[in-house]
Amino acid sequence: GSHPFGGSAATLSKGKVDQVIGAIVDIQFDEKLPKILNALEVEVAEGSEHLVLEVAQHPGKNTVCTIAMGSMDGLVCGQKCGGQQWPHPGFCGPRDFGPYHQHDW
């Protein structure tokens, strides 16, 4: 499947929102956990923007700790996390650092 960052996404077991504290969202999975720095989508109300979460930690108990990359209005515990994951784009190369950061790439 496709996703907002381009390319293809890997199928992932569905998760659910376990805890929300500020921009930190814990997602609990029944099966395989997504890798750190991967992005996940939370299923939101029809007509709303997709909420993308970046996996930051594996604290244990089949849970990942994520950081929300958008508005969390209406996000509640028990809400389903979509079944797609893909690497968050991050930095792509020297052009992303600007003229003051010269590196040998």
PDB file of N, CA and C in Angstrom:
ATOM      1  N   GLY A   1       0.832  -1.190   0.000  1.00  0.00           N
ATOM      2  CA  GLY A   1       0.000   0.000   0.000  1.00  0.00           C
ATOM      3  C   GLY A   1       0.864   1.236   0.000  1.00  0.00           C
ATOM      4  N   SER A   2       0.230   2.381  -0.256  1.00  0.00           N
ATOM      5  CA  SER A   2       0.982   3.630  -0.268  1.00  0.00           C
ATOM      6  C   SER A   2       0.709   4.405   1.004  1.00  0.00           C
ATOM      7  N   HIS A   3       1.526   5.423   1.264  1.00  0.00           N
ATOM      8  CA  HIS A   3       1.391   6.220   2.469  1.00  0.00           C
ATOM      9  C   HIS A   3       1.856   7.630   2.193  1.00  0.00           C
ATOM     10  N   PRO A   4       1.653   8.561   3.132  1.00  0.00           N
ATOM     11  CA  PRO A   4       1.964   9.966   2.880  1.00  0.00           C
ATOM     12  C   PRO A   4       3.415  10.250   2.527  1.00  0.00           C
ATOM     13  N   PHE A   5       4.363   9.380   2.879  1.00  0.00           N
ATOM     14  CA  PHE A   5       5.766   9.643   2.623  1.00  0.00           C
ATOM     15  C   PHE A   5       6.232   9.040   1.310  1.00  0.00           C
ATOM     16  N   GLY A   6       5.364   8.401   0.529  1.00  0.00           N
ATOM     17  CA  GLY A   6       5.741   7.786  -0.733  1.00  0.00           C
ATOM     18  C   GLY A   6       6.273   6.382  -0.525  1.00  0.00           C
ATOM     19  N   GLY A   7       6.319   5.588  -1.601  1.00  0.00           N
ATOM     20  CA  GLY A   7       6.828   4.226  -1.498  1.00  0.00           C
ATOM     21  C   GLY A   7       5.766   3.280  -0.994  1.00  0.00           C
ATOM     22  N   SER A   8       6.203   2.133  -0.493  1.00  0.00           N
ATOM     23  CA  SER A   8       5.244   1.150  -0.023  1.00  0.00           C
ATOM     24  C   SER A   8       5.391   0.924   1.465  1.00  0.00           C
ATOM     25  N   ALA A   9       4.315   0.447   2.071  1.00  0.00           N
ATOM     26  CA  ALA A   9       4.295   0.221   3.516  1.00  0.00           C
ATOM     27  C   ALA A   9       4.211  -1.266   3.790  1.00  0.00           C
ATOM     28  N   ALA A  10       4.725  -1.675   4.931  1.00  0.00           N
ATOM     29  CA  ALA A  10       4.657  -3.073   5.345  1.00  0.00           C
ATOM     30  C   ALA A  10       3.406  -3.280   6.194  1.00  0.00           C
ATOM     31  N   THR A  11       2.783  -4.452   6.040  1.00  0.00           N
ATOM     32  CA  THR A  11       1.616  -4.765   6.846  1.00  0.00           C
ATOM     33  C   THR A  11       2.064  -5.060   8.270  1.00  0.00           C
ATOM     34  N   LEU A  12       1.293  -4.573   9.223  1.00  0.00           N
ATOM     35  CA  LEU A  12       1.622  -4.697  10.631  1.00  0.00           C
ATOM     36  C   LEU A  12       0.377  -5.122  11.375  1.00  0.00           C
ATOM     37  N   SER A  13       0.556  -5.855  12.453  1.00  0.00           N
ATOM     38  CA  SER A  13      -0.595  -6.212  13.266  1.00  0.00           C
ATOM     39  C   SER A  13      -1.228  -4.932  13.798  1.00  0.00           C
ATOM     40  N   LYS A  14      -2.528  -4.968  13.983  1.00  0.00           N
ATOM     41  CA  LYS A  14      -3.255  -3.809  14.500  1.00  0.00           C
ATOM     42  C   LYS A  14      -2.959  -3.622  15.977  1.00  0.00           C
ATOM     43  N   GLY A  15      -2.913  -2.365  16.382  1.00  0.00           N
ATOM     44  CA  GLY A  15      -2.714  -2.039  17.782  1.00  0.00           C
ATOM     45  C   GLY A  15      -3.838  -1.159  18.267  1.00  0.00           C
ATOM     46  N   LYS A  16      -3.757  -0.783  19.549  1.00  0.00           N
ATOM     47  CA  LYS A  16      -4.751   0.140  20.084  1.00  0.00           C
ATOM     48  C   LYS A  16      -4.069   1.107  21.032  1.00  0.00           C
ATOM     49  N   VAL A  17      -4.632   2.304  21.134  1.00  0.00           N
ATOM     50  CA  VAL A  17      -4.084   3.329  22.010  1.00  0.00           C
ATOM     51  C   VAL A  17      -4.268   2.866  23.447  1.00  0.00           C
ATOM     52  N   ASP A  18      -3.143   2.815  24.182  1.00  0.00           N
ATOM     53  CA  ASP A  18      -3.160   2.347  25.561  1.00  0.00           C
ATOM     54  C   ASP A  18      -3.124   3.516  26.548  1.00  0.00           C
ATOM     55  N   GLN A  19      -2.375   4.579  26.190  1.00  0.00           N
ATOM     56  CA  GLN A  19      -2.225   5.719  27.095  1.00  0.00           C
ATOM     57  C   GLN A  19      -1.819   6.943  26.288  1.00  0.00           C
ATOM     58  N   VAL A  20      -2.338   8.116  26.688  1.00  0.00           N
ATOM     59  CA  VAL A  20      -1.990   9.376  26.028  1.00  0.00           C
ATOM     60  C   VAL A  20      -1.563  10.368  27.104  1.00  0.00           C
ATOM     61  N   ILE A  21      -0.318  10.872  26.999  1.00  0.00           N
ATOM     62  CA  ILE A  21       0.185  11.891  27.915  1.00  0.00           C
ATOM     63  C   ILE A  21       0.850  12.961  27.061  1.00  0.00           C
ATOM     64  N   GLY A  22       0.200  14.090  26.897  1.00  0.00           N
ATOM     65  CA  GLY A  22       0.716  15.141  26.027  1.00  0.00           C
ATOM     66  C   GLY A  22       0.827  14.623  24.604  1.00  0.00           C
ATOM     67  N   ALA A  23       2.000  14.796  23.988  1.00  0.00           N
ATOM     68  CA  ALA A  23       2.221  14.319  22.614  1.00  0.00           C
ATOM     69  C   ALA A  23       2.712  12.878  22.568  1.00  0.00           C
ATOM     70  N   ILE A  24       2.832  12.235  23.743  1.00  0.00           N
ATOM     71  CA  ILE A  24       3.291  10.847  23.821  1.00  0.00           C
ATOM     72  C   ILE A  24       2.084   9.918  23.826  1.00  0.00           C
ATOM     73  N   VAL A  25       2.104   8.948  22.907  1.00  0.00           N
ATOM     74  CA  VAL A  25       0.998   7.992  22.783  1.00  0.00           C
ATOM     75  C   VAL A  25       1.576   6.584  22.853  1.00  0.00           C
ATOM     76  N   ASP A  26       1.119   5.790  23.824  1.00  0.00           N
ATOM     77  CA  ASP A  26       1.525   4.389  23.926  1.00  0.00           C
ATOM     78  C   ASP A  26       0.525   3.539  23.156  1.00  0.00           C
ATOM     79  N   ILE A  27       1.054   2.669  22.289  1.00  0.00           N
ATOM     80  CA  ILE A  27       0.220   1.774  21.480  1.00  0.00           C
ATOM     81  C   ILE A  27       0.549   0.340  21.874  1.00  0.00           C
ATOM     82  N   GLN A  28      -0.475  -0.448  22.160  1.00  0.00           N
ATOM     83  CA  GLN A  28      -0.285  -1.853  22.540  1.00  0.00           C
ATOM     84  C   GLN A  28      -0.654  -2.737  21.354  1.00  0.00           C
ATOM     85  N   PHE A  29       0.199  -3.737  21.095  1.00  0.00           N
ATOM     86  CA  PHE A  29      -0.001  -4.677  19.992  1.00  0.00           C
ATOM     87  C   PHE A  29      -0.158  -6.087  20.529  1.00  0.00           C
ATOM     88  N   ASP A  30      -0.909  -6.912  19.801  1.00  0.00           N
ATOM     89  CA  ASP A  30      -1.061  -8.321  20.158  1.00  0.00           C
ATOM     90  C   ASP A  30       0.071  -9.156  19.583  1.00  0.00           C
ATOM     91  N   GLU A  31       0.662  -8.678  18.476  1.00  0.00           N
ATOM     92  CA  GLU A  31       1.682  -9.456  17.786  1.00  0.00           C
ATOM     93  C   GLU A  31       2.964  -8.646  17.656  1.00  0.00           C
ATOM     94  N   LYS A  32       3.626  -8.777  16.524  1.00  0.00           N
ATOM     95  CA  LYS A  32       4.924  -8.153  16.261  1.00  0.00           C
ATOM     96  C   LYS A  32       4.888  -6.626  16.425  1.00  0.00           C
ATOM     97  N   LEU A  33       5.910  -6.093  17.126  1.00  0.00           N
ATOM     98  CA  LEU A  33       6.014  -4.647  17.326  1.00  0.00           C
ATOM     99  C   LEU A  33       6.698  -3.980  16.138  1.00  0.00           C
ATOM    100  N   PRO A  34       6.318  -2.741  15.805  1.00  0.00           N
ATOM    101  CA  PRO A  34       7.022  -2.006  14.750  1.00  0.00           C
ATOM    102  C   PRO A  34       8.402  -1.577  15.232  1.00  0.00           C
ATOM    103  N   LYS A  35       9.296  -1.338  14.296  1.00  0.00           N
ATOM    104  CA  LYS A  35      10.657  -0.922  14.624  1.00  0.00           C
ATOM    105  C   LYS A  35      10.676   0.528  15.105  1.00  0.00           C
ATOM    106  N   ILE A  36      11.682   0.850  15.920  1.00  0.00           N
ATOM    107  CA  ILE A  36      11.881   2.229  16.374  1.00  0.00           C
ATOM    108  C   ILE A  36      12.155   3.110  15.156  1.00  0.00           C
ATOM    109  N   LEU A  37      11.612   4.314  15.177  1.00  0.00           N
ATOM    110  CA  LEU A  37      11.660   5.327  14.122  1.00  0.00           C
ATOM    111  C   LEU A  37      10.706   5.051  12.973  1.00  0.00           C
ATOM    112  N   ASN A  38       9.936   3.959  13.032  1.00  0.00           N
ATOM    113  CA  ASN A  38       8.906   3.754  12.020  1.00  0.00           C
ATOM    114  C   ASN A  38       7.713   4.647  12.336  1.00  0.00           C
ATOM    115  N   ALA A  39       6.937   4.934  11.317  1.00  0.00           N
ATOM    116  CA  ALA A  39       5.739   5.742  11.478  1.00  0.00           C
ATOM    117  C   ALA A  39       4.514   4.834  11.443  1.00  0.00           C
ATOM    118  N   LEU A  40       3.508   5.169  12.244  1.00  0.00           N
ATOM    119  CA  LEU A  40       2.239   4.438  12.306  1.00  0.00           C
ATOM    120  C   LEU A  40       1.103   5.407  12.052  1.00  0.00           C
ATOM    121  N   GLU A  41      -0.027   4.898  11.610  1.00  0.00           N
ATOM    122  CA  GLU A  41      -1.224   5.727  11.436  1.00  0.00           C
ATOM    123  C   GLU A  41      -2.281   5.308  12.436  1.00  0.00           C
ATOM    124  N   VAL A  42      -2.930   6.299  13.044  1.00  0.00           N
ATOM    125  CA  VAL A  42      -4.055   6.024  13.936  1.00  0.00           C
ATOM    126  C   VAL A  42      -5.332   6.241  13.145  1.00  0.00           C
ATOM    127  N   GLU A  43      -6.267   5.309  13.273  1.00  0.00           N
ATOM    128  CA  GLU A  43      -7.556   5.445  12.613  1.00  0.00           C
ATOM    129  C   GLU A  43      -8.338   6.543  13.309  1.00  0.00           C
ATOM    130  N   VAL A  44      -8.716   7.568  12.558  1.00  0.00           N
ATOM    131  CA  VAL A  44      -9.445   8.700  13.104  1.00  0.00           C
ATOM    132  C   VAL A  44     -10.831   8.776  12.463  1.00  0.00           C
ATOM    133  N   ALA A  45     -11.652   9.670  12.971  1.00  0.00           N
ATOM    134  CA  ALA A  45     -13.012   9.812  12.456  1.00  0.00           C
ATOM    135  C   ALA A  45     -13.003  10.101  10.960  1.00  0.00           C
ATOM    136  N   GLU A  46     -14.008   9.586  10.261  1.00  0.00           N
ATOM    137  CA  GLU A  46     -14.114   9.790   8.821  1.00  0.00           C
ATOM    138  C   GLU A  46     -14.134  11.281   8.506  1.00  0.00           C
ATOM    139  N   GLY A  47     -13.372  11.694   7.503  1.00  0.00           N
ATOM    140  CA  GLY A  47     -13.292  13.088   7.116  1.00  0.00           C
ATOM    141  C   GLY A  47     -12.202  13.864   7.833  1.00  0.00           C
ATOM    142  N   SER A  48     -11.538  13.243   8.817  1.00  0.00           N
ATOM    143  CA  SER A  48     -10.457  13.902   9.549  1.00  0.00           C
ATOM    144  C   SER A  48      -9.115  13.552   8.921  1.00  0.00           C
ATOM    145  N   GLU A  49      -8.103  14.340   9.245  1.00  0.00           N
ATOM    146  CA  GLU A  49      -6.738  14.058   8.805  1.00  0.00           C
ATOM    147  C   GLU A  49      -6.238  12.799   9.506  1.00  0.00           C
ATOM    148  N   HIS A  50      -5.327  12.076   8.850  1.00  0.00           N
ATOM    149  CA  HIS A  50      -4.687  10.925   9.492  1.00  0.00           C
ATOM    150  C   HIS A  50      -3.732  11.432  10.558  1.00  0.00           C
ATOM    151  N   LEU A  51      -3.650  10.726  11.673  1.00  0.00           N
ATOM    152  CA  LEU A  51      -2.674  11.059  12.705  1.00  0.00           C
ATOM    153  C   LEU A  51      -1.511  10.098  12.565  1.00  0.00           C
ATOM    154  N   VAL A  52      -0.321  10.644  12.345  1.00  0.00           N
ATOM    155  CA  VAL A  52       0.887   9.844  12.201  1.00  0.00           C
ATOM    156  C   VAL A  52       1.644   9.879  13.526  1.00  0.00           C
ATOM    157  N   LEU A  53       2.104   8.706  13.953  1.00  0.00           N
ATOM    158  CA  LEU A  53       2.890   8.564  15.181  1.00  0.00           C
ATOM    159  C   LEU A  53       4.252   7.996  14.827  1.00  0.00           C
ATOM    160  N   GLU A  54       5.316   8.509  15.455  1.00  0.00           N
ATOM    161  CA  GLU A  54       6.658   7.969  15.247  1.00  0.00           C
ATOM    162  C   GLU A  54       7.049   7.127  16.452  1.00  0.00           C
ATOM    163  N   VAL A  55       7.448   5.878  16.209  1.00  0.00           N
ATOM    164  CA  VAL A  55       7.837   4.964  17.286  1.00  0.00           C
ATOM    165  C   VAL A  55       9.163   5.441  17.883  1.00  0.00           C
ATOM    166  N   ALA A  56       9.166   5.654  19.213  1.00  0.00           N
ATOM    167  CA  ALA A  56      10.356   6.155  19.897  1.00  0.00           C
ATOM    168  C   ALA A  56      10.997   5.119  20.815  1.00  0.00           C
ATOM    169  N   GLN A  57      10.191   4.223  21.405  1.00  0.00           N
ATOM    170  CA  GLN A  57      10.714   3.253  22.373  1.00  0.00           C
ATOM    171  C   GLN A  57       9.907   1.973  22.356  1.00  0.00           C
ATOM    172  N   HIS A  58      10.541   0.906  22.854  1.00  0.00           N
ATOM    173  CA  HIS A  58       9.876  -0.367  23.147  1.00  0.00           C
ATOM    174  C   HIS A  58       9.966  -0.574  24.660  1.00  0.00           C
ATOM    175  N   PRO A  59       9.018  -0.030  25.443  1.00  0.00           N
ATOM    176  CA  PRO A  59       9.125  -0.136  26.900  1.00  0.00           C
ATOM    177  C   PRO A  59       8.775  -1.511  27.466  1.00  0.00           C
ATOM    178  N   GLY A  60       8.284  -2.413  26.640  1.00  0.00           N
ATOM    179  CA  GLY A  60       7.926  -3.753  27.103  1.00  0.00           C
ATOM    180  C   GLY A  60       6.424  -3.973  27.078  1.00  0.00           C
ATOM    181  N   LYS A  61       6.011  -5.190  27.467  1.00  0.00           N
ATOM    182  CA  LYS A  61       4.591  -5.567  27.533  1.00  0.00           C
ATOM    183  C   LYS A  61       3.856  -5.341  26.216  1.00  0.00           C
ATOM    184  N   ASN A  62       4.508  -5.688  25.079  1.00  0.00           N
ATOM    185  CA  ASN A  62       3.911  -5.537  23.747  1.00  0.00           C
ATOM    186  C   ASN A  62       3.435  -4.122  23.459  1.00  0.00           C
ATOM    187  N   THR A  63       4.151  -3.131  23.987  1.00  0.00           N
ATOM    188  CA  THR A  63       3.764  -1.728  23.827  1.00  0.00           C
ATOM    189  C   THR A  63       4.899  -0.944  23.189  1.00  0.00           C
ATOM    190  N   VAL A  64       4.531   0.023  22.333  1.00  0.00           N
ATOM    191  CA  VAL A  64       5.501   0.968  21.803  1.00  0.00           C
ATOM    192  C   VAL A  64       5.121   2.363  22.284  1.00  0.00           C
ATOM    193  N   CYS A  65       6.130   3.159  22.565  1.00  0.00           N
ATOM    194  CA  CYS A  65       5.944   4.546  22.964  1.00  0.00           C
ATOM    195  C   CYS A  65       6.172   5.385  21.704  1.00  0.00           C
ATOM    196  N   THR A  66       5.196   6.215  21.337  1.00  0.00           N
ATOM    197  CA  THR A  66       5.290   6.993  20.106  1.00  0.00           C
ATOM    198  C   THR A  66       5.145   8.482  20.391  1.00  0.00           C
ATOM    199  N   ILE A  67       5.518   9.278  19.399  1.00  0.00           N
ATOM    200  CA  ILE A  67       5.363  10.733  19.456  1.00  0.00           C
ATOM    201  C   ILE A  67       4.411  11.134  18.337  1.00  0.00           C
ATOM    202  N   ALA A  68       3.369  11.889  18.686  1.00  0.00           N
ATOM    203  CA  ALA A  68       2.379  12.326  17.697  1.00  0.00           C
ATOM    204  C   ALA A  68       2.978  13.384  16.782  1.00  0.00           C
ATOM    205  N   MET A  69       2.716  13.260  15.488  1.00  0.00           N
ATOM    206  CA  MET A  69       3.222  14.201  14.490  1.00  0.00           C
ATOM    207  C   MET A  69       2.120  15.129  13.984  1.00  0.00           C
ATOM    208  N   GLY A  70       1.063  15.288  14.772  1.00  0.00           N
ATOM    209  CA  GLY A  70      -0.038  16.155  14.367  1.00  0.00           C
ATOM    210  C   GLY A  70      -1.006  16.349  15.514  1.00  0.00           C
ATOM    211  N   SER A  71      -2.132  16.953  15.204  1.00  0.00           N
ATOM    212  CA  SER A  71      -3.145  17.225  16.219  1.00  0.00           C
ATOM    213  C   SER A  71      -3.714  15.927  16.778  1.00  0.00           C
ATOM    214  N   MET A  72      -3.877  15.885  18.086  1.00  0.00           N
ATOM    215  CA  MET A  72      -4.401  14.690  18.751  1.00  0.00           C
ATOM    216  C   MET A  72      -5.831  14.907  19.228  1.00  0.00           C
ATOM    217  N   ASP A  73      -6.505  15.907  18.682  1.00  0.00           N
ATOM    218  CA  ASP A  73      -7.886  16.180  19.064  1.00  0.00           C
ATOM    219  C   ASP A  73      -8.745  14.935  18.884  1.00  0.00           C
ATOM    220  N   GLY A  74      -9.435  14.542  19.931  1.00  0.00           N
ATOM    221  CA  GLY A  74     -10.344  13.404  19.871  1.00  0.00           C
ATOM    222  C   GLY A  74      -9.689  12.056  20.061  1.00  0.00           C
ATOM    223  N   LEU A  75      -8.375  12.007  20.262  1.00  0.00           N
ATOM    224  CA  LEU A  75      -7.690  10.730  20.460  1.00  0.00           C
ATOM    225  C   LEU A  75      -8.032  10.177  21.844  1.00  0.00           C
ATOM    226  N   VAL A  76      -8.460   8.922  21.900  1.00  0.00           N
ATOM    227  CA  VAL A  76      -8.867   8.318  23.174  1.00  0.00           C
ATOM    228  C   VAL A  76      -8.262   6.926  23.318  1.00  0.00           C
ATOM    229  N   CYS A  77      -8.144   6.473  24.565  1.00  0.00           N
ATOM    230  CA  CYS A  77      -7.661   5.120  24.826  1.00  0.00           C
ATOM    231  C   CYS A  77      -8.608   4.105  24.186  1.00  0.00           C
ATOM    232  N   GLY A  78      -8.029   3.053  23.634  1.00  0.00           N
ATOM    233  CA  GLY A  78      -8.815   2.016  22.971  1.00  0.00           C
ATOM    234  C   GLY A  78      -8.955   2.232  21.476  1.00  0.00           C
ATOM    235  N   GLN A  79      -8.617   3.421  20.976  1.00  0.00           N
ATOM    236  CA  GLN A  79      -8.713   3.710  19.551  1.00  0.00           C
ATOM    237  C   GLN A  79      -7.719   2.839  18.791  1.00  0.00           C
ATOM    238  N   LYS A  80      -8.122   2.362  17.610  1.00  0.00           N
ATOM    239  CA  LYS A  80      -7.276   1.455  16.834  1.00  0.00           C
ATOM    240  C   LYS A  80      -6.175   2.190  16.103  1.00  0.00           C
ATOM    241  N   CYS A  81      -5.035   1.517  16.031  1.00  0.00           N
ATOM    242  CA  CYS A  81      -3.894   2.009  15.278  1.00  0.00           C
ATOM    243  C   CYS A  81      -3.860   1.236  13.975  1.00  0.00           C
ATOM    244  N   GLY A  82      -3.731   1.951  12.870  1.00  0.00           N
ATOM    245  CA  GLY A  82      -3.773   1.336  11.551  1.00  0.00           C
ATOM    246  C   GLY A  82      -2.720   0.265  11.345  1.00  0.00           C
ATOM    247  N   GLY A  83      -2.939  -0.572  10.362  1.00  0.00           N
ATOM    248  CA  GLY A  83      -2.064  -1.702  10.118  1.00  0.00           C
ATOM    249  C   GLY A  83      -0.967  -1.445   9.116  1.00  0.00           C
ATOM    250  N   GLN A  84      -0.423  -0.223   9.057  1.00  0.00           N
ATOM    251  CA  GLN A  84       0.676   0.075   8.145  1.00  0.00           C
ATOM    252  C   GLN A  84       1.829   0.651   8.937  1.00  0.00           C
ATOM    253  N   GLN A  85       3.022   0.388   8.496  1.00  0.00           N
ATOM    254  CA  GLN A  85       4.207   1.011   9.091  1.00  0.00           C
ATOM    255  C   GLN A  85       5.188   1.298   7.975  1.00  0.00           C
ATOM    256  N   TRP A  86       5.962   2.329   8.125  1.00  0.00           N
ATOM    257  CA  TRP A  86       6.998   2.659   7.158  1.00  0.00           C
ATOM    258  C   TRP A  86       8.053   3.497   7.866  1.00  0.00           C
ATOM    259  N   PRO A  87       9.259   3.508   7.341  1.00  0.00           N
ATOM    260  CA  PRO A  87      10.301   4.322   7.969  1.00  0.00           C
ATOM    261  C   PRO A  87       9.954   5.803   7.883  1.00  0.00           C
ATOM    262  N   HIS A  88      10.109   6.521   8.991  1.00  0.00           N
ATOM    263  CA  HIS A  88       9.903   7.964   8.986  1.00  0.00           C
ATOM    264  C   HIS A  88      11.002   8.554   8.116  1.00  0.00           C
ATOM    265  N   PRO A  89      10.720   9.565   7.259  1.00  0.00           N
ATOM    266  CA  PRO A  89      11.701  10.030   6.277  1.00  0.00           C
ATOM    267  C   PRO A  89      12.970  10.638   6.859  1.00  0.00           C
ATOM    268  N   GLY A  90      12.881  11.372   7.952  1.00  0.00           N
ATOM    269  CA  GLY A  90      14.073  11.948   8.577  1.00  0.00           C
ATOM    270  C   GLY A  90      14.917  12.748   7.608  1.00  0.00           C
ATOM    271  N   PHE A  91      16.205  12.886   7.898  1.00  0.00           N
ATOM    272  CA  PHE A  91      17.112  13.612   7.025  1.00  0.00           C
ATOM    273  C   PHE A  91      17.488  12.756   5.824  1.00  0.00           C
ATOM    274  N   CYS A  92      17.633  13.424   4.677  1.00  0.00           N
ATOM    275  CA  CYS A  92      17.949  12.711   3.443  1.00  0.00           C
ATOM    276  C   CYS A  92      19.384  12.887   2.996  1.00  0.00           C
ATOM    277  N   GLY A  93      20.054  13.938   3.449  1.00  0.00           N
ATOM    278  CA  GLY A  93      21.427  14.163   3.008  1.00  0.00           C
ATOM    279  C   GLY A  93      21.875  15.573   3.323  1.00  0.00           C
ATOM    280  N   PRO A  94      22.991  16.009   2.738  1.00  0.00           N
ATOM    281  CA  PRO A  94      23.586  17.297   3.086  1.00  0.00           C
ATOM    282  C   PRO A  94      22.680  18.494   2.830  1.00  0.00           C
ATOM    283  N   ARG A  95      21.825  18.445   1.832  1.00  0.00           N
ATOM    284  CA  ARG A  95      20.963  19.593   1.537  1.00  0.00           C
ATOM    285  C   ARG A  95      20.018  19.906   2.701  1.00  0.00           C
ATOM    286  N   ASP A  96      19.738  18.913   3.557  1.00  0.00           N
ATOM    287  CA  ASP A  96      18.838  19.125   4.686  1.00  0.00           C
ATOM    288  C   ASP A  96      19.490  19.886   5.834  1.00  0.00           C
ATOM    289  N   PHE A  97      20.803  19.955   5.860  1.00  0.00           N
ATOM    290  CA  PHE A  97      21.509  20.596   6.965  1.00  0.00           C
ATOM    291  C   PHE A  97      21.825  22.066   6.692  1.00  0.00           C
ATOM    292  N   GLY A  98      21.728  22.510   5.450  1.00  0.00           N
ATOM    293  CA  GLY A  98      21.989  23.901   5.121  1.00  0.00           C
ATOM    294  C   GLY A  98      23.466  24.182   4.908  1.00  0.00           C
ATOM    295  N   PRO A  99      23.794  25.434   4.504  1.00  0.00           N
ATOM    296  CA  PRO A  99      25.162  25.780   4.126  1.00  0.00           C
ATOM    297  C   PRO A  99      26.145  25.819   5.295  1.00  0.00           C
ATOM    298  N   TYR A 100      25.669  25.905   6.534  1.00  0.00           N
ATOM    299  CA  TYR A 100      26.566  26.013   7.679  1.00  0.00           C
ATOM    300  C   TYR A 100      27.016  24.662   8.215  1.00  0.00           C
ATOM    301  N   HIS A 101      26.533  23.600   7.640  1.00  0.00           N
ATOM    302  CA  HIS A 101      26.896  22.259   8.090  1.00  0.00           C
ATOM    303  C   HIS A 101      27.502  21.491   6.925  1.00  0.00           C
ATOM    304  N   GLN A 102      28.778  21.625   6.716  1.00  0.00           N
ATOM    305  CA  GLN A 102      29.466  20.943   5.617  1.00  0.00           C
ATOM    306  C   GLN A 102      29.949  19.581   6.077  1.00  0.00           C
ATOM    307  N   HIS A 103      29.580  18.550   5.352  1.00  0.00           N
ATOM    308  CA  HIS A 103      29.969  17.179   5.693  1.00  0.00           C
ATOM    309  C   HIS A 103      30.486  16.474   4.444  1.00  0.00           C
ATOM    310  N   ASP A 104      31.343  15.491   4.616  1.00  0.00           N
ATOM    311  CA  ASP A 104      31.750  14.612   3.523  1.00  0.00           C
ATOM    312  C   ASP A 104      30.764  13.468   3.468  1.00  0.00           C
ATOM    313  N   TRP A 105      29.882  13.484   2.525  1.00  0.00           N
ATOM    314  CA  TRP A 105      28.865  12.416   2.415  1.00  0.00           C
ATOM    315  C   TRP A 105      29.341  11.369   1.495  1.00  0.00           C
TER     316      TRP A 105
END
